[in-house]
Amino acid sequence: MRVITQLGILVVLGGGVAAWHVWGDQVGLPRPLALLGLEKPVGQAGGPPRPPGGGGMQVVAAPVRVGAVVERVESVGSARARDAITLTSRVAGIVSAIRFEEGQLVKAGEVLVEFDRSTQEAERDQARAQLDDARTRLNRARQLRATQAVPEAQIDQLEAALRQAEARLRQTEARIEEMKIVAPFSGRVGIRQVSLGALVQPGQAVTTLDDLSRMRVEFAVPEVFVARLAVGMAVTATSPAFGQRQFRGAVEVVDTRVDPATRSVRLIASFDNPDEAMKPGMFMNIELTLARRDMALMVPEEAIDPVADRAFVFAVRNGRAVRQEVKLGTRVAGEVEVLEGLGPDEQVVVRGLQRLRNGQPVTVTEVMRRPVS
């Protein structure tokens, strides 16, 4: 009975040592032979060499690629002109002249529409005559002042009458200016909505005017990115109307508030539009560039072995597969960025890693090559 007990203890101890040797390094324990100085840790210089004759498990590996990574946020928005108005009349009048063509490029201050102003011009002539009469009467009274023939009170009245006549003339001239519509800024006029001889009422639309040389697009992004938003960030816009063409601009305004209903923040991006291809009201797909890293380390997605909220890869080091924890970044086109845990001159196992254990000898039968982006 004592012999059977001793044999059982030896079996348990042997199994424990074997388990320690096989799985101990996966939980951070060194190999038993390494403690005795008979084996060097896996992955260190001078460690166990690759088994002669390539007797390890056959795997397919891929080198860690160095490339550029761009973090983007996608959204949608509508284009609008930097300056856009609907031209209307301030007064009622009959259209006497239309001095623009639909779709024409006009300059600031250019007259676009004129109304009949014969009544206002007659009032201006009358105001001028009254001004001349008031000025003449005042000059005559001042000449008679030396002879004491005109009292000072009368001269004061004549001076006030002159000022009233001058104000009346300025008023009539302002009414004449109201009988035309001018372009407040340079831009392109839209469709004409009045005709010659038409009676236009105050506030009635005549045409539109848009400055298409520079466009703006308003869009929204989730509030999770609010700490990373800044004026000047690069923005790319596309439209189904232009296929693969890209419009490149920059963030011009970041809203100071987060919308509590949508949990998003609004931004306005501006775009140069020299050929006026982008039109007001056009639906645009937006890509906002948050960050760009030109020397990022990239590995294939199939090389990642996720465990709960951690990620691991098997790095090929000195002919063995070393299980290495990594910190991941951006995922792009079948690859994932590695922020920590690997170097630029290493290889990782991409096929066969399900059967691997830490420190197991491997033979790389194929090195997967990936195009440089």
Protein backbone atom coordinates (compact mmCIF):
# COMPACT_ATOMS: atom_id res chain seq x y z
CA MET A 1 0.00 0.00 0.00
CA ARG A 2 2.86 2.35 0.80
CA VAL A 3 4.47 1.59 -2.59
CA ILE A 4 1.23 2.40 -4.44
CA THR A 5 0.96 5.72 -2.56
CA GLN A 6 4.54 6.64 -3.41
CA LEU A 7 3.96 5.76 -7.09
CA GLY A 8 0.84 7.93 -7.12
CA ILE A 9 2.75 10.87 -5.65
CA LEU A 10 5.47 10.45 -8.28
CA VAL A 11 2.87 10.36 -11.07
CA VAL A 12 1.23 13.55 -9.79
CA LEU A 13 4.56 15.33 -9.46
CA GLY A 14 5.65 14.22 -12.91
CA GLY A 15 2.40 15.41 -14.44
CA GLY A 16 2.75 18.73 -12.70
CA VAL A 17 6.30 19.23 -13.95
CA ALA A 18 5.23 18.27 -17.47
CA ALA A 19 2.33 20.70 -17.36
CA TRP A 20 4.65 23.40 -16.02
CA HIS A 21 7.05 22.76 -18.90
CA VAL A 22 4.32 22.85 -21.56
CA TRP A 23 1.96 25.57 -20.35
CA GLY A 24 3.82 27.44 -17.65
CA ASP A 25 5.19 30.13 -19.97
CA GLN A 26 1.67 31.03 -21.09
CA VAL A 27 0.87 32.25 -17.57
CA GLY A 28 4.25 33.93 -17.06
CA LEU A 29 6.19 31.05 -15.38
CA PRO A 30 9.69 30.20 -16.66
CA ARG A 31 10.41 26.70 -17.95
CA PRO A 32 11.79 24.26 -15.38
CA LEU A 33 14.91 23.61 -17.44
CA ALA A 34 15.51 27.36 -17.66
CA LEU A 35 15.49 27.56 -13.86
CA LEU A 36 18.14 24.83 -13.76
CA GLY A 37 20.25 26.70 -16.34
CA LEU A 38 19.77 23.96 -18.94
CA GLU A 39 17.60 26.05 -21.31
CA LYS A 40 17.54 29.75 -22.16
CA PRO A 41 14.22 31.59 -22.38
CA VAL A 42 12.51 31.51 -25.76
CA GLY A 43 12.96 34.61 -27.93
CA GLN A 44 16.22 35.82 -26.27
CA ALA A 45 19.53 36.02 -28.00
CA GLY A 46 21.35 32.74 -27.63
CA GLY A 47 18.09 30.81 -27.04
CA PRO A 48 17.44 27.38 -28.47
CA PRO A 49 18.21 27.31 -32.16
CA ARG A 50 15.75 26.31 -34.83
CA PRO A 51 15.50 22.50 -34.93
CA PRO A 52 17.81 21.08 -37.59
CA GLY A 53 16.17 20.00 -40.80
CA GLY A 54 13.15 22.32 -40.24
CA GLY A 55 11.33 19.83 -38.04
CA GLY A 56 8.96 22.41 -36.47
CA MET A 57 5.28 22.89 -37.24
CA GLN A 58 4.78 24.30 -40.71
CA VAL A 59 3.20 27.76 -40.73
CA VAL A 60 2.67 30.70 -43.06
CA ALA A 61 4.08 33.99 -41.80
CA ALA A 62 3.91 37.63 -42.85
CA PRO A 63 6.38 40.43 -42.14
CA VAL A 64 5.35 43.45 -40.11
CA ARG A 65 4.72 46.15 -42.70
CA VAL A 66 5.52 49.82 -42.19
CA GLY A 67 2.99 52.08 -43.86
CA ALA A 68 0.75 55.10 -43.52
CA VAL A 69 -2.45 54.99 -41.48
CA VAL A 70 -5.15 57.64 -41.74
CA GLU A 71 -7.95 57.82 -39.17
CA ARG A 72 -11.17 59.06 -40.76
CA VAL A 73 -14.76 59.76 -39.75
CA GLU A 74 -17.51 59.53 -42.36
CA SER A 75 -20.58 61.74 -42.49
CA VAL A 76 -22.97 63.41 -44.95
CA GLY A 77 -23.96 67.00 -45.60
CA SER A 78 -25.39 69.49 -48.09
CA ALA A 79 -23.37 72.06 -49.99
CA ARG A 80 -24.20 75.75 -49.94
CA ALA A 81 -22.53 78.83 -51.33
CA ARG A 82 -20.33 80.96 -49.11
CA ASP A 83 -22.66 83.93 -49.85
CA ALA A 84 -26.16 83.31 -51.20
CA ILE A 85 -29.22 85.57 -51.26
CA THR A 86 -32.57 86.02 -52.99
CA LEU A 87 -32.73 89.48 -54.56
CA THR A 88 -35.98 91.31 -53.81
CA SER A 89 -37.38 94.81 -54.28
CA ARG A 90 -37.72 97.23 -51.38
CA VAL A 91 -40.43 99.30 -53.11
CA ALA A 92 -43.31 98.77 -55.48
CA GLY A 93 -42.56 99.58 -59.09
CA ILE A 94 -42.86 98.64 -62.74
CA VAL A 95 -39.82 96.90 -64.26
CA SER A 96 -38.31 99.16 -66.92
CA ALA A 97 -35.00 97.36 -67.58
CA ILE A 98 -33.43 93.97 -66.87
CA ARG A 99 -29.65 94.18 -67.16
CA PHE A 100 -28.58 90.57 -66.60
CA GLU A 101 -28.79 87.20 -68.27
CA GLU A 102 -29.72 84.07 -66.36
CA GLY A 103 -26.60 82.32 -65.12
CA GLN A 104 -24.41 85.38 -65.74
CA LEU A 105 -21.42 86.20 -63.55
CA VAL A 106 -21.85 89.72 -62.15
CA LYS A 107 -19.68 92.01 -60.04
CA ALA A 108 -20.50 93.75 -56.78
CA GLY A 109 -22.40 97.03 -57.35
CA GLU A 110 -23.60 96.11 -60.84
CA VAL A 111 -27.20 97.16 -61.64
CA LEU A 112 -29.40 94.12 -62.32
CA VAL A 113 -32.96 95.49 -62.52
CA GLU A 114 -34.36 99.03 -62.90
CA PHE A 115 -37.89 100.24 -62.16
CA ASP A 116 -39.74 103.14 -63.70
CA ARG A 117 -38.68 106.25 -61.75
CA SER A 118 -40.27 109.14 -63.67
CA THR A 119 -42.34 110.16 -60.63
CA GLN A 120 -39.31 110.13 -58.33
CA GLU A 121 -37.24 112.15 -60.82
CA ALA A 122 -39.99 114.78 -60.99
CA GLU A 123 -39.97 115.01 -57.20
CA ARG A 124 -36.19 115.42 -57.33
CA ASP A 125 -36.48 118.32 -59.79
CA GLN A 126 -39.04 119.97 -57.55
CA ALA A 127 -36.78 119.52 -54.50
CA ARG A 128 -33.86 121.08 -56.39
CA ALA A 129 -35.97 124.11 -57.32
CA GLN A 130 -37.06 124.56 -53.72
CA LEU A 131 -33.43 124.30 -52.62
CA ASP A 132 -32.32 126.94 -55.10
CA ASP A 133 -35.13 129.26 -53.97
CA ALA A 134 -34.25 128.80 -50.30
CA ARG A 135 -30.57 129.47 -50.97
CA THR A 136 -31.36 132.66 -52.97
CA ARG A 137 -33.67 134.07 -50.30
CA LEU A 138 -31.08 133.40 -47.59
CA ASN A 139 -28.30 135.11 -49.56
CA ARG A 140 -30.49 138.20 -50.17
CA ALA A 141 -31.37 138.43 -46.48
CA ARG A 142 -27.70 138.23 -45.48
CA GLN A 143 -26.86 141.10 -47.87
CA LEU A 144 -29.54 143.28 -46.22
CA ARG A 145 -28.35 142.45 -42.72
CA ALA A 146 -25.83 145.35 -42.77
CA THR A 147 -28.60 147.91 -43.29
CA GLN A 148 -30.64 146.52 -40.38
CA ALA A 149 -33.49 145.92 -42.84
CA VAL A 150 -33.83 142.19 -41.99
CA PRO A 151 -34.07 140.99 -38.40
CA GLU A 152 -31.87 138.16 -37.18
CA ALA A 153 -34.89 135.98 -36.46
CA GLN A 154 -35.86 136.01 -40.14
CA ILE A 155 -32.34 135.00 -41.17
CA ASP A 156 -32.52 132.06 -38.76
CA GLN A 157 -35.82 130.98 -40.33
CA LEU A 158 -34.33 131.18 -43.84
CA GLU A 159 -31.31 129.07 -42.77
CA ALA A 160 -33.66 126.40 -41.37
CA ALA A 161 -35.67 126.44 -44.59
CA LEU A 162 -32.45 125.88 -46.57
CA ARG A 163 -31.57 122.87 -44.46
CA GLN A 164 -35.05 121.44 -44.95
CA ALA A 165 -34.74 121.87 -48.70
CA GLU A 166 -31.40 120.07 -48.71
CA ALA A 167 -32.85 117.16 -46.70
CA ARG A 168 -35.84 116.95 -49.04
CA LEU A 169 -33.49 116.69 -52.03
CA ARG A 170 -31.47 113.89 -50.38
CA GLN A 171 -34.69 112.05 -49.60
CA THR A 172 -35.86 112.12 -53.22
CA GLU A 173 -32.45 110.99 -54.43
CA ALA A 174 -32.61 108.04 -52.00
CA ARG A 175 -36.02 107.08 -53.43
CA ILE A 176 -34.53 107.10 -56.91
CA GLU A 177 -31.76 104.73 -55.73
CA GLU A 178 -34.43 102.39 -54.39
CA MET A 179 -35.85 102.08 -57.91
CA LYS A 180 -33.05 99.70 -58.93
CA ILE A 181 -31.60 96.43 -57.68
CA VAL A 182 -27.81 96.08 -57.52
CA ALA A 183 -25.59 93.06 -56.76
CA PRO A 184 -24.31 93.32 -53.16
CA PHE A 185 -21.39 90.98 -53.94
CA SER A 186 -19.82 89.26 -56.92
CA GLY A 187 -21.42 86.00 -57.95
CA ARG A 188 -23.64 84.20 -60.43
CA VAL A 189 -27.30 85.11 -60.85
CA GLY A 190 -29.96 82.43 -61.11
CA ILE A 191 -33.29 82.17 -62.90
CA ARG A 192 -35.11 85.44 -63.63
CA GLN A 193 -38.52 85.61 -61.96
CA VAL A 194 -39.83 88.92 -63.39
CA SER A 195 -40.40 90.34 -66.86
CA LEU A 196 -40.32 93.79 -68.43
CA GLY A 197 -43.39 95.84 -67.53
CA ALA A 198 -44.26 93.66 -64.54
CA LEU A 199 -45.50 95.35 -61.36
CA VAL A 200 -43.20 94.23 -58.55
CA GLN A 201 -44.32 94.45 -54.94
CA PRO A 202 -41.98 94.99 -51.95
CA GLY A 203 -40.33 91.71 -50.94
CA GLN A 204 -41.10 89.97 -54.22
CA ALA A 205 -38.27 87.71 -55.44
CA VAL A 206 -36.52 88.86 -58.61
CA THR A 207 -33.64 86.35 -58.90
CA THR A 208 -30.97 84.62 -56.83
CA LEU A 209 -27.29 85.44 -56.43
CA ASP A 210 -24.66 82.90 -55.30
CA ASP A 211 -20.92 83.23 -54.83
CA LEU A 212 -19.87 79.78 -56.09
CA SER A 213 -16.11 80.40 -55.96
CA ARG A 214 -16.03 78.90 -52.46
CA MET A 215 -18.53 76.41 -51.05
CA ARG A 216 -19.40 75.33 -47.52
CA VAL A 217 -20.71 71.96 -46.31
CA GLU A 218 -22.29 71.48 -42.89
CA PHE A 219 -22.12 67.99 -41.37
CA ALA A 220 -22.14 66.28 -37.97
CA VAL A 221 -19.88 63.74 -36.24
CA PRO A 222 -20.48 61.73 -33.03
CA GLU A 223 -19.58 63.44 -29.77
CA VAL A 224 -16.99 60.73 -29.00
CA PHE A 225 -14.65 62.60 -31.37
CA VAL A 226 -15.28 66.08 -29.96
CA ALA A 227 -11.96 66.23 -28.09
CA ARG A 228 -10.06 65.59 -31.34
CA LEU A 229 -11.83 68.17 -33.52
CA ALA A 230 -10.06 71.36 -34.56
CA VAL A 231 -10.28 74.06 -37.19
CA GLY A 232 -8.09 73.30 -40.20
CA MET A 233 -8.58 69.51 -40.27
CA ALA A 234 -8.56 68.03 -43.77
CA VAL A 235 -11.95 67.13 -45.26
CA THR A 236 -12.68 65.18 -48.45
CA ALA A 237 -16.10 65.40 -50.13
CA THR A 238 -17.54 63.25 -52.90
CA SER A 239 -20.83 63.23 -54.76
CA PRO A 240 -22.56 60.51 -56.81
CA ALA A 241 -22.94 63.13 -59.55
CA PHE A 242 -19.16 63.25 -60.11
CA GLY A 243 -18.20 59.61 -59.56
CA GLN A 244 -14.70 59.27 -58.10
CA ARG A 245 -13.89 62.98 -58.13
CA GLN A 246 -12.84 64.31 -54.73
CA PHE A 247 -13.28 67.84 -53.43
CA ARG A 248 -10.65 68.70 -50.82
CA GLY A 249 -11.25 71.30 -48.12
CA ALA A 250 -10.74 72.04 -44.45
CA VAL A 251 -12.82 72.50 -41.30
CA GLU A 252 -13.72 76.16 -40.94
CA VAL A 253 -16.09 76.11 -37.95
CA VAL A 254 -16.59 73.68 -35.03
CA ASP A 255 -19.83 74.20 -33.14
CA THR A 256 -19.47 75.11 -29.47
CA ARG A 257 -22.35 72.83 -28.46
CA VAL A 258 -23.19 69.13 -28.67
CA ASP A 259 -26.72 68.36 -29.82
CA PRO A 260 -28.34 66.54 -26.85
CA ALA A 261 -30.85 64.81 -29.12
CA THR A 262 -28.39 63.26 -31.60
CA ARG A 263 -25.25 63.34 -29.41
CA SER A 264 -23.29 64.85 -32.27
CA VAL A 265 -21.41 68.07 -32.95
CA ARG A 266 -21.81 70.14 -36.10
CA LEU A 267 -18.93 71.28 -38.29
CA ILE A 268 -18.66 73.48 -41.37
CA ALA A 269 -16.00 72.75 -43.98
CA SER A 270 -15.06 75.11 -46.81
CA PHE A 271 -13.99 74.07 -50.31
CA ASP A 272 -12.45 75.99 -53.19
CA ASN A 273 -14.73 75.66 -56.21
CA PRO A 274 -12.94 77.35 -59.13
CA ASP A 275 -14.88 75.49 -61.84
CA GLU A 276 -18.18 75.85 -59.93
CA ALA A 277 -18.77 72.09 -60.16
CA MET A 278 -20.14 71.91 -56.63
CA LYS A 279 -23.66 73.38 -56.58
CA PRO A 280 -25.70 74.70 -53.66
CA GLY A 281 -27.98 72.03 -52.20
CA MET A 282 -25.89 69.13 -53.53
CA PHE A 283 -25.73 66.02 -51.31
CA MET A 284 -22.12 65.30 -50.30
CA ASN A 285 -20.39 62.34 -48.67
CA ILE A 286 -17.81 63.61 -46.17
CA GLU A 287 -14.59 62.06 -44.86
CA LEU A 288 -12.97 63.94 -41.98
CA THR A 289 -9.28 63.13 -41.34
CA LEU A 290 -8.64 62.91 -37.60
CA ALA A 291 -4.98 61.80 -37.65
CA ARG A 292 -2.29 60.46 -39.97
CA ARG A 293 0.70 58.25 -39.03
CA ASP A 294 3.20 57.64 -41.81
CA MET A 295 5.33 55.03 -39.96
CA ALA A 296 2.63 52.75 -38.55
CA LEU A 297 3.28 49.00 -38.04
CA MET A 298 0.71 46.86 -39.85
CA VAL A 299 -0.05 43.10 -39.63
CA PRO A 300 -2.78 41.01 -41.33
CA GLU A 301 -6.02 40.70 -39.40
CA GLU A 302 -5.78 36.88 -39.45
CA ALA A 303 -2.59 37.09 -37.36
CA ILE A 304 -4.54 38.46 -34.37
CA ASP A 305 -5.57 36.00 -31.63
CA PRO A 306 -8.15 37.83 -29.46
CA VAL A 307 -8.68 36.76 -25.87
CA ALA A 308 -11.43 38.71 -24.08
CA ASP A 309 -10.35 42.36 -24.30
CA ARG A 310 -6.72 41.51 -25.09
CA ALA A 311 -5.02 40.66 -28.37
CA PHE A 312 -2.06 38.36 -29.09
CA VAL A 313 0.07 37.35 -32.05
CA PHE A 314 2.61 34.59 -32.58
CA ALA A 315 5.92 36.21 -33.52
CA VAL A 316 8.52 34.03 -35.21
CA ARG A 317 11.71 34.44 -33.18
CA ASN A 318 14.73 32.15 -33.47
CA GLY A 319 12.70 29.42 -35.12
CA ARG A 320 9.98 29.39 -32.48
CA ALA A 321 6.49 30.85 -32.19
CA VAL A 322 6.44 33.34 -29.33
CA ARG A 323 3.01 34.38 -28.09
CA GLN A 324 3.17 38.18 -27.79
CA GLU A 325 0.49 40.51 -26.45
CA VAL A 326 -0.05 43.56 -28.66
CA LYS A 327 -1.97 46.83 -28.50
CA LEU A 328 -4.04 47.45 -31.60
CA GLY A 329 -4.91 50.66 -33.40
CA THR A 330 -6.77 51.37 -36.63
CA ARG A 331 -8.09 48.63 -38.93
CA VAL A 332 -7.80 49.24 -42.68
CA ALA A 333 -8.27 46.97 -45.72
CA GLY A 334 -7.62 43.59 -44.07
CA GLU A 335 -4.84 44.88 -41.85
CA VAL A 336 -4.63 46.18 -38.33
CA GLU A 337 -2.23 48.66 -36.82
CA VAL A 338 -0.01 47.48 -33.94
CA LEU A 339 0.80 50.26 -31.50
CA GLU A 340 2.83 48.19 -29.01
CA GLY A 341 4.40 44.73 -28.81
CA LEU A 342 6.14 44.27 -32.18
CA GLY A 343 9.08 45.72 -34.07
CA PRO A 344 9.31 46.67 -37.75
CA ASP A 345 11.66 43.78 -38.65
CA GLU A 346 9.61 40.88 -37.24
CA GLN A 347 7.37 38.19 -38.70
CA VAL A 348 4.02 36.97 -37.38
CA VAL A 349 2.18 33.71 -38.02
CA VAL A 350 -0.94 34.16 -40.15
CA ARG A 351 -1.95 30.52 -40.82
CA GLY A 352 -1.71 27.64 -38.43
CA LEU A 353 -1.70 29.69 -35.24
CA GLN A 354 -4.73 27.82 -33.80
CA ARG A 355 -2.55 24.75 -33.17
CA LEU A 356 0.45 26.65 -31.85
CA ARG A 357 1.61 26.96 -28.28
CA ASN A 358 4.06 29.43 -26.90
CA GLY A 359 7.67 28.55 -27.68
CA GLN A 360 6.81 25.76 -30.10
CA PRO A 361 9.35 25.21 -32.92
CA VAL A 362 7.98 26.26 -36.31
CA THR A 363 9.04 26.08 -39.92
CA VAL A 364 7.97 29.00 -42.15
CA THR A 365 6.91 27.39 -45.41
CA GLU A 366 5.63 30.62 -47.01
CA VAL A 367 6.05 34.34 -46.40
CA MET A 368 2.94 36.30 -47.31
CA ARG A 369 3.71 39.49 -49.20
CA ARG A 370 1.29 42.41 -49.13
CA PRO A 371 1.18 45.42 -51.44
CA VAL A 372 2.44 48.68 -49.99
CA SER A 373 -0.37 51.21 -49.66
